[in-house]
Amino acid sequence: MRSGFFILSLTALFVGCLQKKSPNGEPLARVGNHFLYISDINSALAGRSPLQDSVPYLKKLVQEWVREQVLLDKANKVLTAAQKDKRKELDAYLTALLVYDYQRQMVEQKLDTMVTDTQIKQYFEKNKADFELKQNLIRFRYVKLKKNMPADEAKTLIGSDKEEDLKRLKLFCRQHASNYFLNDKVWLSFQDVLKEIPIQTYNEEDFLKNNTMVEVKDNEYTYLVRISDYRVKNGQSQPELEHDRIVQMIVQARKAKLIRESEQQVLKEAELNGSIEIF
């Protein structure tokens, strides 16, 4: 019963406070000598309609404030004066915040985030040991045909490297294929390929090493696959596979260098103008 009365009272108080627009008005809650007013939490209520979910949300804010104040009062009673003295921690925290904000502003103004393909390749070559494959990859072409459709033409074209044959294969696929993928310049996970093509293998590495042209059939379709190239897991990755990761690494390295150089410059300026003395 008291709970229901509290909610009704809180609702009436909330609506009344909004209507009066008083900076303080009647308090919403009290813990000891501390009072919570609607003006204390107006920013948290901004944009919420009293007719929607603002009243339950207000109740939650009040309950959170009460909990924090009760715990704070208990801490003030239990802790010693030395334990409650947090000036050193606050000073250290403030220092860290100010330095962080200065560095962030400086980085936003000066950091070069453009990374060229040449820079990516150079970074990869210098740090090859950091780029080891975690899965098997392939570059391939494949054509999926209805099982009753003749596949001889597609078999011939998919195995050819002639530009004219590739154009003919694309036209054939648009007209007859249920699905196809012909861009064998792109590296893809072999596991992802197996989700689309029902190749049965117990050893992926051996399969990739011993197969170039593959024909697979199920109850409905014929799958023609040409494996143009492959990389086995734990082997060497490729720059194009690590593009986004390398870009992030290069930008982070530039950021760290920029911060170091800025610190050195600020220290040098302080030394020159006599701001630094070490006793």
C-alpha atoms as a PDB file:
ATOM      1  CA  MET A   1       0.000   0.000   0.000  1.00  0.00           C
ATOM      2  CA  ARG A   2       2.807   2.397   0.904  1.00  0.00           C
ATOM      3  CA  SER A   3       4.513   1.598  -2.412  1.00  0.00           C
ATOM      4  CA  GLY A   4       1.400   2.550  -4.386  1.00  0.00           C
ATOM      5  CA  PHE A   5       0.985   5.729  -2.350  1.00  0.00           C
ATOM      6  CA  PHE A   6       4.648   6.615  -2.998  1.00  0.00           C
ATOM      7  CA  ILE A   7       4.213   6.222  -6.764  1.00  0.00           C
ATOM      8  CA  LEU A   8       1.044   8.339  -6.810  1.00  0.00           C
ATOM      9  CA  SER A   9       2.670  11.006  -4.670  1.00  0.00           C
ATOM     10  CA  LEU A  10       5.788  10.989  -6.835  1.00  0.00           C
ATOM     11  CA  THR A  11       3.681  11.302  -9.991  1.00  0.00           C
ATOM     12  CA  ALA A  12       1.724  14.256  -8.623  1.00  0.00           C
ATOM     13  CA  LEU A  13       4.898  15.894  -7.346  1.00  0.00           C
ATOM     14  CA  PHE A  14       6.690  15.439 -10.672  1.00  0.00           C
ATOM     15  CA  VAL A  15       3.835  16.896 -12.729  1.00  0.00           C
ATOM     16  CA  GLY A  16       3.401  19.726 -10.248  1.00  0.00           C
ATOM     17  CA  CYS A  17       7.091  20.605 -10.349  1.00  0.00           C
ATOM     18  CA  LEU A  18       7.076  20.700 -14.124  1.00  0.00           C
ATOM     19  CA  GLN A  19       4.024  22.897 -14.205  1.00  0.00           C
ATOM     20  CA  LYS A  20       5.399  25.358 -11.605  1.00  0.00           C
ATOM     21  CA  LYS A  21       8.900  25.294 -13.160  1.00  0.00           C
ATOM     22  CA  SER A  22      10.321  26.038  -9.713  1.00  0.00           C
ATOM     23  CA  PRO A  23      14.120  25.800  -9.407  1.00  0.00           C
ATOM     24  CA  ASN A  24      13.733  23.898  -6.144  1.00  0.00           C
ATOM     25  CA  GLY A  25      10.162  23.510  -4.938  1.00  0.00           C
ATOM     26  CA  GLU A  26       9.253  20.533  -2.786  1.00  0.00           C
ATOM     27  CA  PRO A  27      12.024  17.942  -2.338  1.00  0.00           C
ATOM     28  CA  LEU A  28      11.698  14.567  -4.034  1.00  0.00           C
ATOM     29  CA  ALA A  29      13.680  12.705  -1.373  1.00  0.00           C
ATOM     30  CA  ARG A  30      15.770  13.167   1.752  1.00  0.00           C
ATOM     31  CA  VAL A  31      18.680  11.242   3.234  1.00  0.00           C
ATOM     32  CA  GLY A  32      19.844  12.743   6.503  1.00  0.00           C
ATOM     33  CA  ASN A  33      20.381  16.434   5.891  1.00  0.00           C
ATOM     34  CA  HIS A  34      20.616  16.014   2.114  1.00  0.00           C
ATOM     35  CA  PHE A  35      17.627  16.787  -0.153  1.00  0.00           C
ATOM     36  CA  LEU A  36      16.991  15.961  -3.812  1.00  0.00           C
ATOM     37  CA  TYR A  37      15.011  18.480  -5.892  1.00  0.00           C
ATOM     38  CA  ILE A  38      13.574  18.225  -9.382  1.00  0.00           C
ATOM     39  CA  SER A  39      16.049  20.909 -10.485  1.00  0.00           C
ATOM     40  CA  ASP A  40      18.892  18.531  -9.560  1.00  0.00           C
ATOM     41  CA  ILE A  41      17.833  15.981 -12.167  1.00  0.00           C
ATOM     42  CA  ASN A  42      16.160  18.096 -14.859  1.00  0.00           C
ATOM     43  CA  SER A  43      18.975  17.404 -17.316  1.00  0.00           C
ATOM     44  CA  ALA A  44      18.429  13.645 -16.968  1.00  0.00           C
ATOM     45  CA  LEU A  45      14.706  14.118 -17.667  1.00  0.00           C
ATOM     46  CA  ALA A  46      15.127  16.343 -20.708  1.00  0.00           C
ATOM     47  CA  GLY A  47      13.157  15.132 -23.704  1.00  0.00           C
ATOM     48  CA  ARG A  48      10.997  12.703 -21.725  1.00  0.00           C
ATOM     49  CA  SER A  49       7.227  13.144 -21.651  1.00  0.00           C
ATOM     50  CA  PRO A  50       5.423  12.764 -18.296  1.00  0.00           C
ATOM     51  CA  LEU A  51       2.690  10.928 -20.202  1.00  0.00           C
ATOM     52  CA  GLN A  52       5.111   8.291 -21.432  1.00  0.00           C
ATOM     53  CA  ASP A  53       7.928   6.862 -19.312  1.00  0.00           C
ATOM     54  CA  SER A  54       9.248   9.887 -17.399  1.00  0.00           C
ATOM     55  CA  VAL A  55       7.547   9.018 -14.091  1.00  0.00           C
ATOM     56  CA  PRO A  56       9.019   5.491 -13.833  1.00  0.00           C
ATOM     57  CA  TYR A  57      12.344   6.923 -14.908  1.00  0.00           C
ATOM     58  CA  LEU A  58      12.081   9.652 -12.267  1.00  0.00           C
ATOM     59  CA  LYS A  59      11.383   7.021  -9.614  1.00  0.00           C
ATOM     60  CA  LYS A  60      14.501   5.134 -10.726  1.00  0.00           C
ATOM     61  CA  LEU A  61      16.627   8.311 -10.487  1.00  0.00           C
ATOM     62  CA  VAL A  62      15.325   9.034  -7.020  1.00  0.00           C
ATOM     63  CA  GLN A  63      16.029   5.500  -5.849  1.00  0.00           C
ATOM     64  CA  GLU A  64      19.567   5.665  -7.253  1.00  0.00           C
ATOM     65  CA  TRP A  65      20.191   8.992  -5.507  1.00  0.00           C
ATOM     66  CA  VAL A  66      18.904   7.584  -2.204  1.00  0.00           C
ATOM     67  CA  ARG A  67      21.149   4.535  -2.505  1.00  0.00           C
ATOM     68  CA  GLU A  68      24.244   6.646  -3.239  1.00  0.00           C
ATOM     69  CA  GLN A  69      23.538   9.092  -0.412  1.00  0.00           C
ATOM     70  CA  VAL A  70      22.977   6.300   2.125  1.00  0.00           C
ATOM     71  CA  LEU A  71      26.254   4.643   1.120  1.00  0.00           C
ATOM     72  CA  LEU A  72      28.070   7.992   1.162  1.00  0.00           C
ATOM     73  CA  ASP A  73      26.799   8.777   4.649  1.00  0.00           C
ATOM     74  CA  LYS A  74      27.920   5.347   5.822  1.00  0.00           C
ATOM     75  CA  ALA A  75      31.360   5.822   4.249  1.00  0.00           C
ATOM     76  CA  ASN A  76      31.720   9.217   5.956  1.00  0.00           C
ATOM     77  CA  LYS A  77      30.977   7.609   9.320  1.00  0.00           C
ATOM     78  CA  VAL A  78      33.246   4.570   8.900  1.00  0.00           C
ATOM     79  CA  LEU A  79      36.304   5.948   7.072  1.00  0.00           C
ATOM     80  CA  THR A  80      39.048   7.919   8.805  1.00  0.00           C
ATOM     81  CA  ALA A  81      39.894  11.470   7.858  1.00  0.00           C
ATOM     82  CA  ALA A  82      43.018  10.250   6.052  1.00  0.00           C
ATOM     83  CA  GLN A  83      40.998   7.694   4.101  1.00  0.00           C
ATOM     84  CA  LYS A  84      38.476  10.357   3.090  1.00  0.00           C
ATOM     85  CA  ASP A  85      41.151  12.751   1.874  1.00  0.00           C
ATOM     86  CA  LYS A  86      41.165  12.135  -1.877  1.00  0.00           C
ATOM     87  CA  ARG A  87      42.900  15.319  -2.969  1.00  0.00           C
ATOM     88  CA  LYS A  88      45.969  13.511  -4.326  1.00  0.00           C
ATOM     89  CA  GLU A  89      43.852  11.066  -6.319  1.00  0.00           C
ATOM     90  CA  LEU A  90      41.650  13.887  -7.629  1.00  0.00           C
ATOM     91  CA  ASP A  91      44.676  15.980  -8.593  1.00  0.00           C
ATOM     92  CA  ALA A  92      46.241  13.021 -10.414  1.00  0.00           C
ATOM     93  CA  TYR A  93      42.957  12.265 -12.185  1.00  0.00           C
ATOM     94  CA  LEU A  94      42.491  15.911 -13.193  1.00  0.00           C
ATOM     95  CA  THR A  95      46.066  16.055 -14.504  1.00  0.00           C
ATOM     96  CA  ALA A  96      45.537  12.916 -16.572  1.00  0.00           C
ATOM     97  CA  LEU A  97      42.260  14.268 -17.991  1.00  0.00           C
ATOM     98  CA  LEU A  98      43.765  17.603 -18.989  1.00  0.00           C
ATOM     99  CA  VAL A  99      46.824  16.012 -20.613  1.00  0.00           C
ATOM    100  CA  TYR A 100      44.588  13.524 -22.443  1.00  0.00           C
ATOM    101  CA  ASP A 101      42.298  16.286 -23.756  1.00  0.00           C
ATOM    102  CA  TYR A 102      45.290  18.348 -24.910  1.00  0.00           C
ATOM    103  CA  GLN A 103      46.843  15.367 -26.715  1.00  0.00           C
ATOM    104  CA  ARG A 104      43.526  14.379 -28.280  1.00  0.00           C
ATOM    105  CA  GLN A 105      42.974  17.912 -29.600  1.00  0.00           C
ATOM    106  CA  MET A 106      46.527  18.082 -30.945  1.00  0.00           C
ATOM    107  CA  VAL A 107      46.190  14.669 -32.639  1.00  0.00           C
ATOM    108  CA  GLU A 108      42.862  15.634 -34.247  1.00  0.00           C
ATOM    109  CA  GLN A 109      44.481  18.741 -35.717  1.00  0.00           C
ATOM    110  CA  LYS A 110      47.733  17.223 -36.956  1.00  0.00           C
ATOM    111  CA  LEU A 111      47.386  13.461 -37.469  1.00  0.00           C
ATOM    112  CA  ASP A 112      47.661  12.271 -41.080  1.00  0.00           C
ATOM    113  CA  THR A 113      45.243   9.330 -41.496  1.00  0.00           C
ATOM    114  CA  MET A 114      45.814   8.801 -45.231  1.00  0.00           C
ATOM    115  CA  VAL A 115      47.591   5.498 -45.971  1.00  0.00           C
ATOM    116  CA  THR A 116      48.564   4.533 -49.527  1.00  0.00           C
ATOM    117  CA  ASP A 117      48.755   1.026 -50.998  1.00  0.00           C
ATOM    118  CA  THR A 118      52.518   1.443 -51.314  1.00  0.00           C
ATOM    119  CA  GLN A 119      52.813   2.229 -47.602  1.00  0.00           C
ATOM    120  CA  ILE A 120      50.694  -0.825 -46.770  1.00  0.00           C
ATOM    121  CA  LYS A 121      52.934  -3.099 -48.843  1.00  0.00           C
ATOM    122  CA  GLN A 122      56.106  -1.617 -47.343  1.00  0.00           C
ATOM    123  CA  TYR A 123      54.777  -2.085 -43.810  1.00  0.00           C
ATOM    124  CA  PHE A 124      53.803  -5.676 -44.620  1.00  0.00           C
ATOM    125  CA  GLU A 125      57.256  -6.489 -46.016  1.00  0.00           C
ATOM    126  CA  LYS A 126      58.988  -5.087 -42.920  1.00  0.00           C
ATOM    127  CA  ASN A 127      56.694  -6.950 -40.517  1.00  0.00           C
ATOM    128  CA  LYS A 128      55.934 -10.247 -42.240  1.00  0.00           C
ATOM    129  CA  ALA A 129      56.426 -12.232 -39.055  1.00  0.00           C
ATOM    130  CA  ASP A 130      53.389 -10.484 -37.556  1.00  0.00           C
ATOM    131  CA  PHE A 131      51.060 -11.659 -40.307  1.00  0.00           C
ATOM    132  CA  GLU A 132      50.372 -15.371 -40.070  1.00  0.00           C
ATOM    133  CA  LEU A 133      47.215 -16.895 -41.509  1.00  0.00           C
ATOM    134  CA  LYS A 134      44.661 -18.240 -39.053  1.00  0.00           C
ATOM    135  CA  GLN A 135      42.638 -20.088 -41.714  1.00  0.00           C
ATOM    136  CA  ASN A 136      42.926 -21.548 -45.198  1.00  0.00           C
ATOM    137  CA  LEU A 137      42.286 -19.090 -48.043  1.00  0.00           C
ATOM    138  CA  ILE A 138      41.610 -19.500 -51.730  1.00  0.00           C
ATOM    139  CA  ARG A 139      41.149 -17.480 -54.882  1.00  0.00           C
ATOM    140  CA  PHE A 140      38.648 -19.241 -57.113  1.00  0.00           C
ATOM    141  CA  ARG A 141      35.889 -19.173 -59.692  1.00  0.00           C
ATOM    142  CA  TYR A 142      32.743 -21.219 -59.462  1.00  0.00           C
ATOM    143  CA  VAL A 143      29.529 -21.818 -61.390  1.00  0.00           C
ATOM    144  CA  LYS A 144      26.380 -23.430 -59.989  1.00  0.00           C
ATOM    145  CA  LEU A 145      24.089 -25.053 -62.548  1.00  0.00           C
ATOM    146  CA  LYS A 146      20.857 -26.999 -62.409  1.00  0.00           C
ATOM    147  CA  LYS A 147      21.756 -30.673 -62.491  1.00  0.00           C
ATOM    148  CA  ASN A 148      19.916 -31.333 -65.781  1.00  0.00           C
ATOM    149  CA  MET A 149      21.772 -28.533 -67.609  1.00  0.00           C
ATOM    150  CA  PRO A 150      24.744 -29.419 -69.864  1.00  0.00           C
ATOM    151  CA  ALA A 151      27.969 -28.202 -68.238  1.00  0.00           C
ATOM    152  CA  ASP A 152      30.573 -28.821 -70.962  1.00  0.00           C
ATOM    153  CA  GLU A 153      30.758 -25.202 -72.138  1.00  0.00           C
ATOM    154  CA  ALA A 154      31.057 -23.887 -68.590  1.00  0.00           C
ATOM    155  CA  LYS A 155      33.819 -26.423 -67.814  1.00  0.00           C
ATOM    156  CA  THR A 156      35.840 -25.244 -70.792  1.00  0.00           C
ATOM    157  CA  LEU A 157      35.380 -21.540 -70.100  1.00  0.00           C
ATOM    158  CA  ILE A 158      35.981 -21.644 -66.341  1.00  0.00           C
ATOM    159  CA  GLY A 159      39.396 -23.238 -66.879  1.00  0.00           C
ATOM    160  CA  SER A 160      40.563 -20.657 -69.422  1.00  0.00           C
ATOM    161  CA  ASP A 161      42.698 -17.590 -68.664  1.00  0.00           C
ATOM    162  CA  LYS A 162      41.779 -15.829 -71.898  1.00  0.00           C
ATOM    163  CA  GLU A 163      39.955 -12.524 -71.472  1.00  0.00           C
ATOM    164  CA  GLU A 164      37.548 -13.403 -74.262  1.00  0.00           C
ATOM    165  CA  ASP A 165      36.635 -16.701 -72.582  1.00  0.00           C
ATOM    166  CA  LEU A 166      35.996 -14.922 -69.294  1.00  0.00           C
ATOM    167  CA  LYS A 167      33.570 -12.569 -71.067  1.00  0.00           C
ATOM    168  CA  ARG A 168      31.804 -15.573 -72.601  1.00  0.00           C
ATOM    169  CA  LEU A 169      31.669 -17.246 -69.179  1.00  0.00           C
ATOM    170  CA  LYS A 170      30.075 -14.165 -67.610  1.00  0.00           C
ATOM    171  CA  LEU A 171      27.439 -14.097 -70.359  1.00  0.00           C
ATOM    172  CA  PHE A 172      26.812 -17.838 -69.931  1.00  0.00           C
ATOM    173  CA  CYS A 173      26.384 -17.424 -66.160  1.00  0.00           C
ATOM    174  CA  ARG A 174      23.937 -14.545 -66.513  1.00  0.00           C
ATOM    175  CA  GLN A 175      21.812 -16.680 -68.813  1.00  0.00           C
ATOM    176  CA  HIS A 176      22.057 -20.137 -67.239  1.00  0.00           C
ATOM    177  CA  ALA A 177      23.714 -20.236 -63.797  1.00  0.00           C
ATOM    178  CA  SER A 178      21.780 -20.450 -60.525  1.00  0.00           C
ATOM    179  CA  ASN A 179      24.747 -18.767 -58.849  1.00  0.00           C
ATOM    180  CA  TYR A 180      28.340 -17.917 -59.710  1.00  0.00           C
ATOM    181  CA  PHE A 181      31.493 -16.129 -58.571  1.00  0.00           C
ATOM    182  CA  LEU A 182      34.181 -15.276 -61.117  1.00  0.00           C
ATOM    183  CA  ASN A 183      36.488 -12.763 -59.411  1.00  0.00           C
ATOM    184  CA  ASP A 184      39.527 -14.919 -58.652  1.00  0.00           C
ATOM    185  CA  LYS A 185      41.572 -11.881 -57.625  1.00  0.00           C
ATOM    186  CA  VAL A 186      39.841 -11.869 -54.222  1.00  0.00           C
ATOM    187  CA  TRP A 187      41.006 -14.037 -51.324  1.00  0.00           C
ATOM    188  CA  LEU A 188      38.224 -15.825 -49.454  1.00  0.00           C
ATOM    189  CA  SER A 189      38.078 -18.160 -46.482  1.00  0.00           C
ATOM    190  CA  PHE A 190      37.892 -21.773 -47.632  1.00  0.00           C
ATOM    191  CA  GLN A 191      35.466 -22.429 -44.768  1.00  0.00           C
ATOM    192  CA  ASP A 192      33.092 -19.821 -46.191  1.00  0.00           C
ATOM    193  CA  VAL A 193      33.371 -21.406 -49.623  1.00  0.00           C
ATOM    194  CA  LEU A 194      32.454 -24.824 -48.194  1.00  0.00           C
ATOM    195  CA  LYS A 195      29.210 -23.329 -46.856  1.00  0.00           C
ATOM    196  CA  GLU A 196      28.129 -22.654 -50.444  1.00  0.00           C
ATOM    197  CA  ILE A 197      29.727 -25.585 -52.272  1.00  0.00           C
ATOM    198  CA  PRO A 198      29.225 -29.139 -50.873  1.00  0.00           C
ATOM    199  CA  ILE A 199      32.860 -30.249 -51.174  1.00  0.00           C
ATOM    200  CA  GLN A 200      33.566 -33.216 -48.898  1.00  0.00           C
ATOM    201  CA  THR A 201      37.050 -33.209 -47.435  1.00  0.00           C
ATOM    202  CA  TYR A 202      38.609 -34.301 -44.154  1.00  0.00           C
ATOM    203  CA  ASN A 203      41.850 -32.435 -44.763  1.00  0.00           C
ATOM    204  CA  GLU A 204      41.500 -28.968 -46.267  1.00  0.00           C
ATOM    205  CA  GLU A 205      45.228 -28.467 -46.793  1.00  0.00           C
ATOM    206  CA  ASP A 206      45.645 -31.727 -48.743  1.00  0.00           C
ATOM    207  CA  PHE A 207      42.570 -30.954 -50.809  1.00  0.00           C
ATOM    208  CA  LEU A 208      43.878 -27.512 -51.790  1.00  0.00           C
ATOM    209  CA  LYS A 209      47.314 -28.891 -52.642  1.00  0.00           C
ATOM    210  CA  ASN A 210      45.919 -31.624 -54.898  1.00  0.00           C
ATOM    211  CA  ASN A 211      42.975 -30.003 -56.687  1.00  0.00           C
ATOM    212  CA  THR A 212      42.700 -27.259 -59.263  1.00  0.00           C
ATOM    213  CA  MET A 213      39.484 -28.144 -61.108  1.00  0.00           C
ATOM    214  CA  VAL A 214      36.622 -29.612 -59.089  1.00  0.00           C
ATOM    215  CA  GLU A 215      33.165 -30.818 -60.077  1.00  0.00           C
ATOM    216  CA  VAL A 216      30.676 -31.577 -57.322  1.00  0.00           C
ATOM    217  CA  LYS A 217      27.050 -32.691 -57.555  1.00  0.00           C
ATOM    218  CA  ASP A 218      24.180 -32.949 -55.131  1.00  0.00           C
ATOM    219  CA  ASN A 219      20.508 -33.815 -55.714  1.00  0.00           C
ATOM    220  CA  GLU A 220      19.739 -30.546 -57.503  1.00  0.00           C
ATOM    221  CA  TYR A 221      22.906 -28.867 -58.735  1.00  0.00           C
ATOM    222  CA  THR A 222      26.268 -29.251 -60.382  1.00  0.00           C
ATOM    223  CA  TYR A 223      29.084 -27.108 -58.981  1.00  0.00           C
ATOM    224  CA  LEU A 224      32.106 -26.290 -61.130  1.00  0.00           C
ATOM    225  CA  VAL A 225      35.104 -24.890 -59.251  1.00  0.00           C
ATOM    226  CA  ARG A 226      38.462 -23.647 -60.444  1.00  0.00           C
ATOM    227  CA  ILE A 227      40.978 -22.942 -57.662  1.00  0.00           C
ATOM    228  CA  SER A 228      43.368 -20.281 -58.956  1.00  0.00           C
ATOM    229  CA  ASP A 229      45.545 -20.009 -55.836  1.00  0.00           C
ATOM    230  CA  TYR A 230      45.514 -20.899 -52.157  1.00  0.00           C
ATOM    231  CA  ARG A 231      47.212 -20.181 -48.837  1.00  0.00           C
ATOM    232  CA  VAL A 232      47.158 -22.645 -45.961  1.00  0.00           C
ATOM    233  CA  LYS A 233      46.720 -21.596 -42.333  1.00  0.00           C
ATOM    234  CA  ASN A 234      49.850 -20.849 -40.316  1.00  0.00           C
ATOM    235  CA  GLY A 235      51.451 -19.753 -43.571  1.00  0.00           C
ATOM    236  CA  GLN A 236      52.220 -16.249 -44.819  1.00  0.00           C
ATOM    237  CA  SER A 237      49.328 -13.855 -45.240  1.00  0.00           C
ATOM    238  CA  GLN A 238      49.038 -11.246 -48.008  1.00  0.00           C
ATOM    239  CA  PRO A 239      48.944  -7.410 -47.889  1.00  0.00           C
ATOM    240  CA  GLU A 240      45.450  -7.234 -49.360  1.00  0.00           C
ATOM    241  CA  LEU A 241      44.162  -9.573 -46.660  1.00  0.00           C
ATOM    242  CA  GLU A 242      45.618  -7.408 -43.906  1.00  0.00           C
ATOM    243  CA  HIS A 243      44.682  -4.030 -45.419  1.00  0.00           C
ATOM    244  CA  ASP A 244      42.452  -2.671 -42.643  1.00  0.00           C
ATOM    245  CA  ARG A 245      44.667  -4.030 -39.882  1.00  0.00           C
ATOM    246  CA  ILE A 246      47.810  -2.508 -41.398  1.00  0.00           C
ATOM    247  CA  VAL A 247      46.098   0.865 -41.909  1.00  0.00           C
ATOM    248  CA  GLN A 248      45.144   0.877 -38.229  1.00  0.00           C
ATOM    249  CA  MET A 249      48.700  -0.063 -37.204  1.00  0.00           C
ATOM    250  CA  ILE A 250      50.259   2.668 -39.357  1.00  0.00           C
ATOM    251  CA  VAL A 251      47.876   5.343 -38.067  1.00  0.00           C
ATOM    252  CA  GLN A 252      48.430   4.271 -34.454  1.00  0.00           C
ATOM    253  CA  ALA A 253      52.210   4.410 -34.956  1.00  0.00           C
ATOM    254  CA  ARG A 254      51.904   7.915 -36.416  1.00  0.00           C
ATOM    255  CA  LYS A 255      49.742   8.946 -33.468  1.00  0.00           C
ATOM    256  CA  ALA A 256      52.276   7.671 -30.929  1.00  0.00           C
ATOM    257  CA  LYS A 257      55.121   9.406 -32.780  1.00  0.00           C
ATOM    258  CA  LEU A 258      53.149  12.658 -32.976  1.00  0.00           C
ATOM    259  CA  ILE A 259      52.497  12.594 -29.226  1.00  0.00           C
ATOM    260  CA  ARG A 260      56.174  11.872 -28.447  1.00  0.00           C
ATOM    261  CA  GLU A 261      57.399  14.669 -30.711  1.00  0.00           C
ATOM    262  CA  SER A 262      54.837  17.094 -29.259  1.00  0.00           C
ATOM    263  CA  GLU A 263      55.951  16.266 -25.711  1.00  0.00           C
ATOM    264  CA  GLN A 264      59.601  16.795 -26.652  1.00  0.00           C
ATOM    265  CA  GLN A 265      58.773  20.118 -28.290  1.00  0.00           C
ATOM    266  CA  VAL A 266      56.787  21.353 -25.264  1.00  0.00           C
ATOM    267  CA  LEU A 267      59.589  20.313 -22.890  1.00  0.00           C
ATOM    268  CA  LYS A 268      62.201  22.056 -25.046  1.00  0.00           C
ATOM    269  CA  GLU A 269      60.135  25.273 -25.125  1.00  0.00           C
ATOM    270  CA  ALA A 270      59.759  25.150 -21.335  1.00  0.00           C
ATOM    271  CA  GLU A 271      63.515  24.696 -20.893  1.00  0.00           C
ATOM    272  CA  LEU A 272      64.311  27.590 -23.233  1.00  0.00           C
ATOM    273  CA  ASN A 273      61.970  30.034 -21.496  1.00  0.00           C
ATOM    274  CA  GLY A 274      63.271  29.053 -18.050  1.00  0.00           C
ATOM    275  CA  SER A 275      60.085  27.427 -16.794  1.00  0.00           C
ATOM    276  CA  ILE A 276      61.895  24.278 -15.650  1.00  0.00           C
ATOM    277  CA  GLU A 277      64.182  24.022 -12.655  1.00  0.00           C
ATOM    278  CA  ILE A 278      65.323  20.718 -11.164  1.00  0.00           C
ATOM    279  CA  PHE A 279      66.770  21.065  -7.665  1.00  0.00           C
END
